[in-house]
C-alpha atoms as a PDB file:
ATOM      1  CA  UNK A   1     -13.722  -0.458-101.929  1.00  0.00           C
ATOM      2  CA  UNK A   2     -13.801   1.333-105.290  1.00  0.00           C
ATOM      3  CA  UNK A   3     -10.399   1.472-107.016  1.00  0.00           C
ATOM      4  CA  UNK A   4      -9.591   3.258-110.270  1.00  0.00           C
ATOM      5  CA  UNK A   5      -6.352   2.708-112.212  1.00  0.00           C
ATOM      6  CA  UNK A   6      -5.201   5.407-114.602  1.00  0.00           C
ATOM      7  CA  UNK A   7      -3.141   3.348-117.038  1.00  0.00           C
ATOM      8  CA  UNK A   8      -3.306  -0.362-117.765  1.00  0.00           C
ATOM      9  CA  UNK A   9       0.309  -1.275-118.533  1.00  0.00           C
ATOM     10  CA  UNK A  10       2.581  -3.967-117.113  1.00  0.00           C
ATOM     11  CA  UNK A  11       2.703  -2.696-113.542  1.00  0.00           C
ATOM     12  CA  UNK A  12      -1.061  -2.155-113.436  1.00  0.00           C
ATOM     13  CA  UNK A  13      -1.513  -5.730-114.676  1.00  0.00           C
ATOM     14  CA  UNK A  14       0.816  -7.012-111.956  1.00  0.00           C
ATOM     15  CA  UNK A  15      -0.977  -5.034-109.247  1.00  0.00           C
ATOM     16  CA  UNK A  16      -4.444  -6.068-110.377  1.00  0.00           C
ATOM     17  CA  UNK A  17      -3.442  -9.720-110.590  1.00  0.00           C
ATOM     18  CA  UNK A  18      -1.853  -9.580-107.150  1.00  0.00           C
ATOM     19  CA  UNK A  19      -4.776  -7.710-105.634  1.00  0.00           C
ATOM     20  CA  UNK A  20      -7.276 -10.282-106.867  1.00  0.00           C
ATOM     21  CA  UNK A  21      -5.171 -13.035-105.287  1.00  0.00           C
ATOM     22  CA  UNK A  22      -5.221 -11.062-102.022  1.00  0.00           C
ATOM     23  CA  UNK A  23      -9.001 -10.864-101.913  1.00  0.00           C
ATOM     24  CA  UNK A  24      -9.823  -7.652-103.758  1.00  0.00           C
ATOM     25  CA  UNK A  25     -12.991  -7.936-105.854  1.00  0.00           C
ATOM     26  CA  UNK A  26     -12.739  -7.540-109.634  1.00  0.00           C
ATOM     27  CA  UNK A  27     -16.082  -5.728-109.776  1.00  0.00           C
ATOM     28  CA  UNK A  28     -14.628  -2.984-107.572  1.00  0.00           C
ATOM     29  CA  UNK A  29     -11.687  -2.293-109.909  1.00  0.00           C
ATOM     30  CA  UNK A  30     -11.866   0.113-112.852  1.00  0.00           C
ATOM     31  CA  UNK A  31      -9.112   0.862-115.371  1.00  0.00           C
ATOM     32  CA  UNK A  32      -8.827   3.919-117.608  1.00  0.00           C
ATOM     33  CA  UNK A  33      -6.662   3.257-120.669  1.00  0.00           C
ATOM     34  CA  UNK A  34      -6.646   4.779-124.131  1.00  0.00           C
ATOM     35  CA  UNK A  35      -5.685   1.510-125.826  1.00  0.00           C
ATOM     36  CA  UNK A  36      -8.525  -0.709-126.981  1.00  0.00           C
ATOM     37  CA  UNK A  37      -6.274  -3.792-126.963  1.00  0.00           C
ATOM     38  CA  UNK A  38      -5.115  -3.090-123.414  1.00  0.00           C
ATOM     39  CA  UNK A  39      -8.691  -2.658-122.231  1.00  0.00           C
ATOM     40  CA  UNK A  40      -9.802  -5.894-123.902  1.00  0.00           C
ATOM     41  CA  UNK A  41      -6.918  -7.820-122.347  1.00  0.00           C
ATOM     42  CA  UNK A  42      -7.578  -6.453-118.861  1.00  0.00           C
ATOM     43  CA  UNK A  43     -11.279  -7.155-119.076  1.00  0.00           C
ATOM     44  CA  UNK A  44     -10.771 -10.690-120.390  1.00  0.00           C
ATOM     45  CA  UNK A  45      -7.925 -11.600-118.023  1.00  0.00           C
ATOM     46  CA  UNK A  46      -9.189 -10.120-114.762  1.00  0.00           C
ATOM     47  CA  UNK A  47     -12.863  -9.285-115.247  1.00  0.00           C
ATOM     48  CA  UNK A  48     -12.344  -5.642-114.256  1.00  0.00           C
ATOM     49  CA  UNK A  49     -14.237  -2.679-115.674  1.00  0.00           C
ATOM     50  CA  UNK A  50     -12.376  -0.772-118.388  1.00  0.00           C
ATOM     51  CA  UNK A  51     -12.905   2.751-119.685  1.00  0.00           C
ATOM     52  CA  UNK A  52     -11.535   4.683-122.638  1.00  0.00           C
ATOM     53  CA  UNK A  53     -11.691   7.972-120.731  1.00  0.00           C
ATOM     54  CA  UNK A  54     -12.050   9.370-117.231  1.00  0.00           C
ATOM     55  CA  UNK A  55     -15.558  10.625-118.007  1.00  0.00           C
ATOM     56  CA  UNK A  56     -17.060   7.118-117.856  1.00  0.00           C
ATOM     57  CA  UNK A  57     -15.030   5.940-114.843  1.00  0.00           C
ATOM     58  CA  UNK A  58     -16.474   6.302-111.338  1.00  0.00           C
ATOM     59  CA  UNK A  59     -15.996   9.665-109.658  1.00  0.00           C
ATOM     60  CA  UNK A  60     -14.831   9.883-106.021  1.00  0.00           C
ATOM     61  CA  UNK A  61     -13.170   6.446-105.821  1.00  0.00           C
ATOM     62  CA  UNK A  62     -11.614   5.228-102.588  1.00  0.00           C
ATOM     63  CA  UNK A  63      -8.266   4.837-104.368  1.00  0.00           C
ATOM     64  CA  UNK A  64      -6.972   6.349-107.595  1.00  0.00           C
ATOM     65  CA  UNK A  65      -3.793   4.614-108.720  1.00  0.00           C
ATOM     66  CA  UNK A  66      -1.701   6.563-111.210  1.00  0.00           C
ATOM     67  CA  UNK A  67       0.120   4.099-113.467  1.00  0.00           C
ATOM     68  CA  UNK A  68       1.048   6.177-116.516  1.00  0.00           C
ATOM     69  CA  UNK A  69       4.508   7.392-117.540  1.00  0.00           C
ATOM     70  CA  UNK A  70       5.757  10.459-115.624  1.00  0.00           C
ATOM     71  CA  UNK A  71       6.109  12.462-118.853  1.00  0.00           C
ATOM     72  CA  UNK A  72       2.423  11.846-119.631  1.00  0.00           C
ATOM     73  CA  UNK A  73       1.095  12.434-116.132  1.00  0.00           C
ATOM     74  CA  UNK A  74       0.113  16.113-116.276  1.00  0.00           C
ATOM     75  CA  UNK A  75      -2.015  15.644-119.377  1.00  0.00           C
ATOM     76  CA  UNK A  76      -3.393  12.289-118.217  1.00  0.00           C
ATOM     77  CA  UNK A  77      -4.685  13.528-114.835  1.00  0.00           C
ATOM     78  CA  UNK A  78      -6.253  16.748-116.147  1.00  0.00           C
ATOM     79  CA  UNK A  79      -9.687  15.132-116.798  1.00  0.00           C
ATOM     80  CA  UNK A  80      -9.730  13.842-113.203  1.00  0.00           C
ATOM     81  CA  UNK A  81      -9.570  17.265-111.559  1.00  0.00           C
ATOM     82  CA  UNK A  82     -12.822  17.846-109.712  1.00  0.00           C
ATOM     83  CA  UNK A  83     -13.749  14.152-109.805  1.00  0.00           C
ATOM     84  CA  UNK A  84     -11.547  12.886-106.972  1.00  0.00           C
ATOM     85  CA  UNK A  85     -13.678  13.539-103.924  1.00  0.00           C
ATOM     86  CA  UNK A  86     -11.815  12.152-100.906  1.00  0.00           C
ATOM     87  CA  UNK A  87      -9.802   9.611-102.925  1.00  0.00           C
ATOM     88  CA  UNK A  88      -6.370   8.450-101.836  1.00  0.00           C
ATOM     89  CA  UNK A  89      -4.176   9.043-104.877  1.00  0.00           C
ATOM     90  CA  UNK A  90      -1.382   6.471-105.162  1.00  0.00           C
ATOM     91  CA  UNK A  91       1.302   7.276-107.737  1.00  0.00           C
ATOM     92  CA  UNK A  92       3.831   4.744-109.026  1.00  0.00           C
ATOM     93  CA  UNK A  93       5.361   7.255-111.458  1.00  0.00           C
ATOM     94  CA  UNK A  94       9.130   7.305-110.912  1.00  0.00           C
ATOM     95  CA  UNK A  95      10.683  10.636-109.981  1.00  0.00           C
ATOM     96  CA  UNK A  96       7.478  12.657-109.886  1.00  0.00           C
ATOM     97  CA  UNK A  97       7.132  14.439-106.559  1.00  0.00           C
ATOM     98  CA  UNK A  98       3.912  14.928-104.631  1.00  0.00           C
ATOM     99  CA  UNK A  99       3.965  18.729-104.888  1.00  0.00           C
ATOM    100  CA  UNK A 100       3.704  18.513-108.683  1.00  0.00           C
ATOM    101  CA  UNK A 101       0.992  15.868-108.493  1.00  0.00           C
ATOM    102  CA  UNK A 102      -0.999  17.944-106.037  1.00  0.00           C
ATOM    103  CA  UNK A 103      -0.721  20.992-108.280  1.00  0.00           C
ATOM    104  CA  UNK A 104      -1.829  19.035-111.361  1.00  0.00           C
ATOM    105  CA  UNK A 105      -4.723  17.534-109.385  1.00  0.00           C
ATOM    106  CA  UNK A 106      -6.134  20.922-108.444  1.00  0.00           C
ATOM    107  CA  UNK A 107      -4.628  21.032-104.966  1.00  0.00           C
ATOM    108  CA  UNK A 108      -5.657  17.532-103.885  1.00  0.00           C
ATOM    109  CA  UNK A 109      -3.482  16.520-100.923  1.00  0.00           C
ATOM    110  CA  UNK A 110      -4.314  12.899-100.162  1.00  0.00           C
ATOM    111  CA  UNK A 111      -1.343  11.570-102.128  1.00  0.00           C
ATOM    112  CA  UNK A 112       0.971   8.592-101.628  1.00  0.00           C
ATOM    113  CA  UNK A 113       4.106   8.371-103.764  1.00  0.00           C
ATOM    114  CA  UNK A 114       5.422   4.872-104.439  1.00  0.00           C
ATOM    115  CA  UNK A 115       8.514   3.354-106.039  1.00  0.00           C
ATOM    116  CA  UNK A 116       7.931  -0.319-106.901  1.00  0.00           C
ATOM    117  CA  UNK A 117      10.468  -2.359-108.855  1.00  0.00           C
ATOM    118  CA  UNK A 118      10.208  -4.819-111.727  1.00  0.00           C
ATOM    119  CA  UNK A 119      10.206  -8.040-109.629  1.00  0.00           C
ATOM    120  CA  UNK A 120       6.691  -6.883-108.718  1.00  0.00           C
ATOM    121  CA  UNK A 121       5.740  -8.373-112.086  1.00  0.00           C
ATOM    122  CA  UNK A 122       6.169 -11.827-110.513  1.00  0.00           C
ATOM    123  CA  UNK A 123       4.945 -10.860-107.033  1.00  0.00           C
ATOM    124  CA  UNK A 124       8.471 -10.504-105.619  1.00  0.00           C
ATOM    125  CA  UNK A 125       8.801  -6.723-105.565  1.00  0.00           C
ATOM    126  CA  UNK A 126       9.762  -4.220-102.913  1.00  0.00           C
ATOM    127  CA  UNK A 127       8.059  -0.832-102.861  1.00  0.00           C
ATOM    128  CA  UNK A 128       9.071   2.339-101.053  1.00  0.00           C
ATOM    129  CA  UNK A 129       6.146   4.578-100.080  1.00  0.00           C
ATOM    130  CA  UNK A 130       5.879   8.155 -98.822  1.00  0.00           C
ATOM    131  CA  UNK A 131       2.712  10.115 -98.002  1.00  0.00           C
ATOM    132  CA  UNK A 132       1.675  13.722 -97.535  1.00  0.00           C
ATOM    133  CA  UNK A 133       0.588  14.644 -93.976  1.00  0.00           C
ATOM    134  CA  UNK A 134      -3.065  14.797 -95.049  1.00  0.00           C
ATOM    135  CA  UNK A 135      -3.108  11.022 -95.630  1.00  0.00           C
ATOM    136  CA  UNK A 136      -4.512   9.323 -92.517  1.00  0.00           C
ATOM    137  CA  UNK A 137      -3.121   6.178 -90.922  1.00  0.00           C
ATOM    138  CA  UNK A 138      -6.055   4.192 -92.303  1.00  0.00           C
ATOM    139  CA  UNK A 139      -5.481   5.587 -95.788  1.00  0.00           C
ATOM    140  CA  UNK A 140      -1.779   4.725 -95.559  1.00  0.00           C
ATOM    141  CA  UNK A 141      -2.788   1.169 -94.699  1.00  0.00           C
ATOM    142  CA  UNK A 142      -5.050   1.036 -97.762  1.00  0.00           C
ATOM    143  CA  UNK A 143      -2.159   2.128-100.010  1.00  0.00           C
ATOM    144  CA  UNK A 144       0.129  -0.346 -98.266  1.00  0.00           C
ATOM    145  CA  UNK A 145      -2.330  -3.183 -98.820  1.00  0.00           C
ATOM    146  CA  UNK A 146      -2.509  -2.410-102.548  1.00  0.00           C
ATOM    147  CA  UNK A 147       1.288  -2.435-102.975  1.00  0.00           C
ATOM    148  CA  UNK A 148       1.751  -5.496-100.749  1.00  0.00           C
ATOM    149  CA  UNK A 149      -0.170  -7.399-103.410  1.00  0.00           C
ATOM    150  CA  UNK A 150       3.081  -7.517-105.423  1.00  0.00           C
ATOM    151  CA  UNK A 151       5.673  -7.847-102.649  1.00  0.00           C
ATOM    152  CA  UNK A 152       7.029  -6.113 -99.568  1.00  0.00           C
ATOM    153  CA  UNK A 153       6.730  -2.449 -98.614  1.00  0.00           C
ATOM    154  CA  UNK A 154       8.934   0.099 -96.837  1.00  0.00           C
ATOM    155  CA  UNK A 155       7.624   3.473 -95.654  1.00  0.00           C
ATOM    156  CA  UNK A 156       9.884   6.503 -96.015  1.00  0.00           C
ATOM    157  CA  UNK A 157       9.171   9.530 -93.831  1.00  0.00           C
ATOM    158  CA  UNK A 158      11.102  12.085 -95.890  1.00  0.00           C
ATOM    159  CA  UNK A 159      10.135  12.397 -99.559  1.00  0.00           C
ATOM    160  CA  UNK A 160      13.631  13.707-100.282  1.00  0.00           C
ATOM    161  CA  UNK A 161      14.923  10.184 -99.678  1.00  0.00           C
ATOM    162  CA  UNK A 162      12.688   8.654-102.368  1.00  0.00           C
ATOM    163  CA  UNK A 163      15.408   9.255-104.972  1.00  0.00           C
ATOM    164  CA  UNK A 164      17.576   6.981-102.832  1.00  0.00           C
ATOM    165  CA  UNK A 165      14.857   4.333-102.888  1.00  0.00           C
ATOM    166  CA  UNK A 166      14.749   4.623-106.672  1.00  0.00           C
ATOM    167  CA  UNK A 167      18.535   4.241-106.858  1.00  0.00           C
ATOM    168  CA  UNK A 168      18.664   1.155-104.610  1.00  0.00           C
ATOM    169  CA  UNK A 169      15.531  -0.884-105.282  1.00  0.00           C
ATOM    170  CA  UNK A 170      14.004   0.768-108.350  1.00  0.00           C
ATOM    171  CA  UNK A 171      17.185   0.578-110.431  1.00  0.00           C
ATOM    172  CA  UNK A 172      18.653  -2.242-108.334  1.00  0.00           C
ATOM    173  CA  UNK A 173      17.371  -5.154-110.435  1.00  0.00           C
ATOM    174  CA  UNK A 174      19.485  -3.847-113.334  1.00  0.00           C
ATOM    175  CA  UNK A 175      22.600  -4.002-111.142  1.00  0.00           C
ATOM    176  CA  UNK A 176      21.788  -7.602-110.215  1.00  0.00           C
ATOM    177  CA  UNK A 177      21.156  -8.509-113.856  1.00  0.00           C
ATOM    178  CA  UNK A 178      24.540  -7.005-114.735  1.00  0.00           C
ATOM    179  CA  UNK A 179      26.191  -9.172-112.070  1.00  0.00           C
ATOM    180  CA  UNK A 180      24.422 -12.267-113.405  1.00  0.00           C
ATOM    181  CA  UNK A 181      25.473 -11.290-116.917  1.00  0.00           C
ATOM    182  CA  UNK A 182      29.103 -10.999-115.789  1.00  0.00           C
ATOM    183  CA  UNK A 183      29.021 -14.382-114.038  1.00  0.00           C
ATOM    184  CA  UNK A 184      27.559 -16.008-117.129  1.00  0.00           C
ATOM    185  CA  UNK A 185      30.245 -14.471-119.334  1.00  0.00           C
ATOM    186  CA  UNK A 186      32.946 -15.631-116.929  1.00  0.00           C
ATOM    187  CA  UNK A 187      31.443 -19.132-116.962  1.00  0.00           C
ATOM    188  CA  UNK A 188      31.582 -19.193-120.756  1.00  0.00           C
ATOM    189  CA  UNK A 189      35.206 -18.056-120.748  1.00  0.00           C
ATOM    190  CA  UNK A 190      35.990 -20.810-118.250  1.00  0.00           C
ATOM    191  CA  UNK A 191      34.601 -23.422-120.637  1.00  0.00           C
ATOM    192  CA  UNK A 192      31.106 -24.006-119.264  1.00  0.00           C
ATOM    193  CA  UNK A 193      28.080 -24.192-121.556  1.00  0.00           C
ATOM    194  CA  UNK A 194      25.605 -21.278-121.712  1.00  0.00           C
ATOM    195  CA  UNK A 195      22.995 -23.431-119.963  1.00  0.00           C
ATOM    196  CA  UNK A 196      25.403 -24.362-117.177  1.00  0.00           C
ATOM    197  CA  UNK A 197      26.570 -20.772-116.762  1.00  0.00           C
ATOM    198  CA  UNK A 198      23.015 -19.472-116.585  1.00  0.00           C
ATOM    199  CA  UNK A 199      21.927 -22.020-113.978  1.00  0.00           C
ATOM    200  CA  UNK A 200      25.038 -21.581-111.846  1.00  0.00           C
ATOM    201  CA  UNK A 201      24.848 -17.763-111.940  1.00  0.00           C
ATOM    202  CA  UNK A 202      21.128 -17.350-111.301  1.00  0.00           C
ATOM    203  CA  UNK A 203      20.810 -19.983-108.594  1.00  0.00           C
ATOM    204  CA  UNK A 204      23.918 -18.682-106.829  1.00  0.00           C
ATOM    205  CA  UNK A 205      22.402 -15.209-106.687  1.00  0.00           C
ATOM    206  CA  UNK A 206      19.047 -16.582-105.537  1.00  0.00           C
ATOM    207  CA  UNK A 207      20.639 -18.742-102.854  1.00  0.00           C
ATOM    208  CA  UNK A 208      22.947 -16.019-101.547  1.00  0.00           C
ATOM    209  CA  UNK A 209      20.050 -13.550-101.360  1.00  0.00           C
ATOM    210  CA  UNK A 210      17.911 -16.092 -99.507  1.00  0.00           C
ATOM    211  CA  UNK A 211      20.734 -16.780 -97.065  1.00  0.00           C
ATOM    212  CA  UNK A 212      21.219 -13.057 -96.434  1.00  0.00           C
ATOM    213  CA  UNK A 213      17.461 -12.591 -95.936  1.00  0.00           C
ATOM    214  CA  UNK A 214      17.293 -15.377 -93.352  1.00  0.00           C
ATOM    215  CA  UNK A 215      20.351 -14.199 -91.424  1.00  0.00           C
ATOM    216  CA  UNK A 216      20.403 -11.345 -88.912  1.00  0.00           C
ATOM    217  CA  UNK A 217      24.123 -10.869 -89.566  1.00  0.00           C
ATOM    218  CA  UNK A 218      25.461  -8.166 -91.897  1.00  0.00           C
ATOM    219  CA  UNK A 219      26.337  -9.071 -95.466  1.00  0.00           C
ATOM    220  CA  UNK A 220      29.975  -8.178 -94.757  1.00  0.00           C
ATOM    221  CA  UNK A 221      30.215 -10.953 -92.148  1.00  0.00           C
ATOM    222  CA  UNK A 222      28.534 -13.472 -94.448  1.00  0.00           C
ATOM    223  CA  UNK A 223      31.068 -12.534 -97.120  1.00  0.00           C
ATOM    224  CA  UNK A 224      33.980 -13.006 -94.715  1.00  0.00           C
ATOM    225  CA  UNK A 225      32.763 -16.486 -93.810  1.00  0.00           C
ATOM    226  CA  UNK A 226      32.913 -17.567 -97.457  1.00  0.00           C
ATOM    227  CA  UNK A 227      36.402 -16.101 -97.867  1.00  0.00           C
ATOM    228  CA  UNK A 228      39.120 -18.497 -96.715  1.00  0.00           C
ATOM    229  CA  UNK A 229      42.607 -17.059 -96.256  1.00  0.00           C
ATOM    230  CA  UNK A 230      44.614 -17.696 -99.408  1.00  0.00           C
ATOM    231  CA  UNK A 231      41.689 -19.393-101.132  1.00  0.00           C
ATOM    232  CA  UNK A 232      39.826 -18.959-104.405  1.00  0.00           C
ATOM    233  CA  UNK A 233      37.229 -16.511-103.099  1.00  0.00           C
ATOM    234  CA  UNK A 234      39.897 -14.251-101.633  1.00  0.00           C
ATOM    235  CA  UNK A 235      41.711 -14.253-104.995  1.00  0.00           C
ATOM    236  CA  UNK A 236      38.518 -13.159-106.744  1.00  0.00           C
ATOM    237  CA  UNK A 237      37.645 -10.486-104.191  1.00  0.00           C
ATOM    238  CA  UNK A 238      41.186  -9.058-104.276  1.00  0.00           C
ATOM    239  CA  UNK A 239      40.914  -8.515-108.036  1.00  0.00           C
ATOM    240  CA  UNK A 240      37.440  -7.016-107.642  1.00  0.00           C
ATOM    241  CA  UNK A 241      38.794  -4.629-105.000  1.00  0.00           C
ATOM    242  CA  UNK A 242      41.654  -3.615-107.288  1.00  0.00           C
ATOM    243  CA  UNK A 243      39.234  -2.887-110.127  1.00  0.00           C
ATOM    244  CA  UNK A 244      36.846  -0.944-107.869  1.00  0.00           C
ATOM    245  CA  UNK A 245      33.790  -3.171-108.163  1.00  0.00           C
ATOM    246  CA  UNK A 246      32.244  -2.212-104.798  1.00  0.00           C
ATOM    247  CA  UNK A 247      33.072   1.455-105.191  1.00  0.00           C
ATOM    248  CA  UNK A 248      31.625   1.402-108.705  1.00  0.00           C
ATOM    249  CA  UNK A 249      28.325   0.006-107.444  1.00  0.00           C
ATOM    250  CA  UNK A 250      28.083   2.652-104.719  1.00  0.00           C
ATOM    251  CA  UNK A 251      29.010   5.432-107.136  1.00  0.00           C
ATOM    252  CA  UNK A 252      26.491   4.128-109.652  1.00  0.00           C
ATOM    253  CA  UNK A 253      23.674   4.102-107.103  1.00  0.00           C
ATOM    254  CA  UNK A 254      24.522   7.676-106.095  1.00  0.00           C
ATOM    255  CA  UNK A 255      24.495   8.707-109.753  1.00  0.00           C
ATOM    256  CA  UNK A 256      21.049   7.133-110.130  1.00  0.00           C
ATOM    257  CA  UNK A 257      19.780   9.078-107.117  1.00  0.00           C
ATOM    258  CA  UNK A 258      21.201  12.337-108.477  1.00  0.00           C
ATOM    259  CA  UNK A 259      19.642  11.720-111.877  1.00  0.00           C
ATOM    260  CA  UNK A 260      16.331  10.916-110.230  1.00  0.00           C
ATOM    261  CA  UNK A 261      16.421  14.249-108.432  1.00  0.00           C
ATOM    262  CA  UNK A 262      17.201  16.047-111.708  1.00  0.00           C
ATOM    263  CA  UNK A 263      14.390  14.304-113.556  1.00  0.00           C
ATOM    264  CA  UNK A 264      11.963  15.053-110.733  1.00  0.00           C
ATOM    265  CA  UNK A 265      12.706  18.776-111.005  1.00  0.00           C
ATOM    266  CA  UNK A 266      12.288  18.687-114.783  1.00  0.00           C
ATOM    267  CA  UNK A 267       9.046  16.719-114.656  1.00  0.00           C
ATOM    268  CA  UNK A 268       7.499  18.886-111.977  1.00  0.00           C
ATOM    269  CA  UNK A 269       8.573  22.223-113.376  1.00  0.00           C
ATOM    270  CA  UNK A 270       5.390  22.854-115.346  1.00  0.00           C
END
C-alpha cells in the first residue's frame, strides 16, 4: 500500500510511528514537507521517503493523508490536483469540510474527514471519522486502520456532527488539563507539595477514567456511588453545582462546536 503524507508535523510523526508498529512498511510511506529539518528527522527516525515538493512524490497513491494546517490547505494541495488517481484522501485538518477539500482537489470525491486529538501523540487518541458516499467500505477500512494506529476510532454518519466531535474529543483534552490544573492548585492551597498535588490529581483522573471505561454503568451512577450523604464529596459537589461547574463545561463544549462551524465556513469560503 502506497501512502503519501502532505505535512510532516507532530500528528504525522505520531501516525507514522503508530503505523509502523502496526505493521505498515516504511518503504511504502512518503512524506511531503517543505522543511529540510523535518524531512531529515522523519527519514532518520522512521526510514520513510521524504520529498520537498509534490512533484517528486508518487502520483496515484492508495492513501493521501493531509496533515497541514487548515489555513494552508488550499495552497498546499494545489500541486496535487491531477495526481491523485483513485487515492483515498484522509484529512486531519480541523474544521475543514469535505466540500471545500473536494473543490480544492479538482472535484475528487474519495475523501475521509477525521478529527484526532492530542493523546494520539502517545498512542492514546480517539478519532472521529466521516466519509463522502463515494468512499467504499474497503476504503473506509483503510482510513480506519491508519487512524487506529494512534488510538480508537468512531465513525460519524453526518458530517454536520463533526463540529460536535471537535468540541468533545478534539478540544476535550484541554478541559481535562484544566480540571487537573484546578485540582493541583487546590492541593497546593490545602498544604500539599507540588509533587504530591500533581501525582494525586493526575492519577485520580487516570483511575476514574479507567473505572468509567470498564463499567457499563453511566457516569452519573458512578458519581452517586462515591457521594455519601453528608460526606466530603457531597460538600464538594454542592459547591460545584452552586458555581455552575457542570453547566459551564456543557456551555463551553457548545461554544467550541459553534466556533468550529464558524471557522469551517470561513476556511471553505474560497
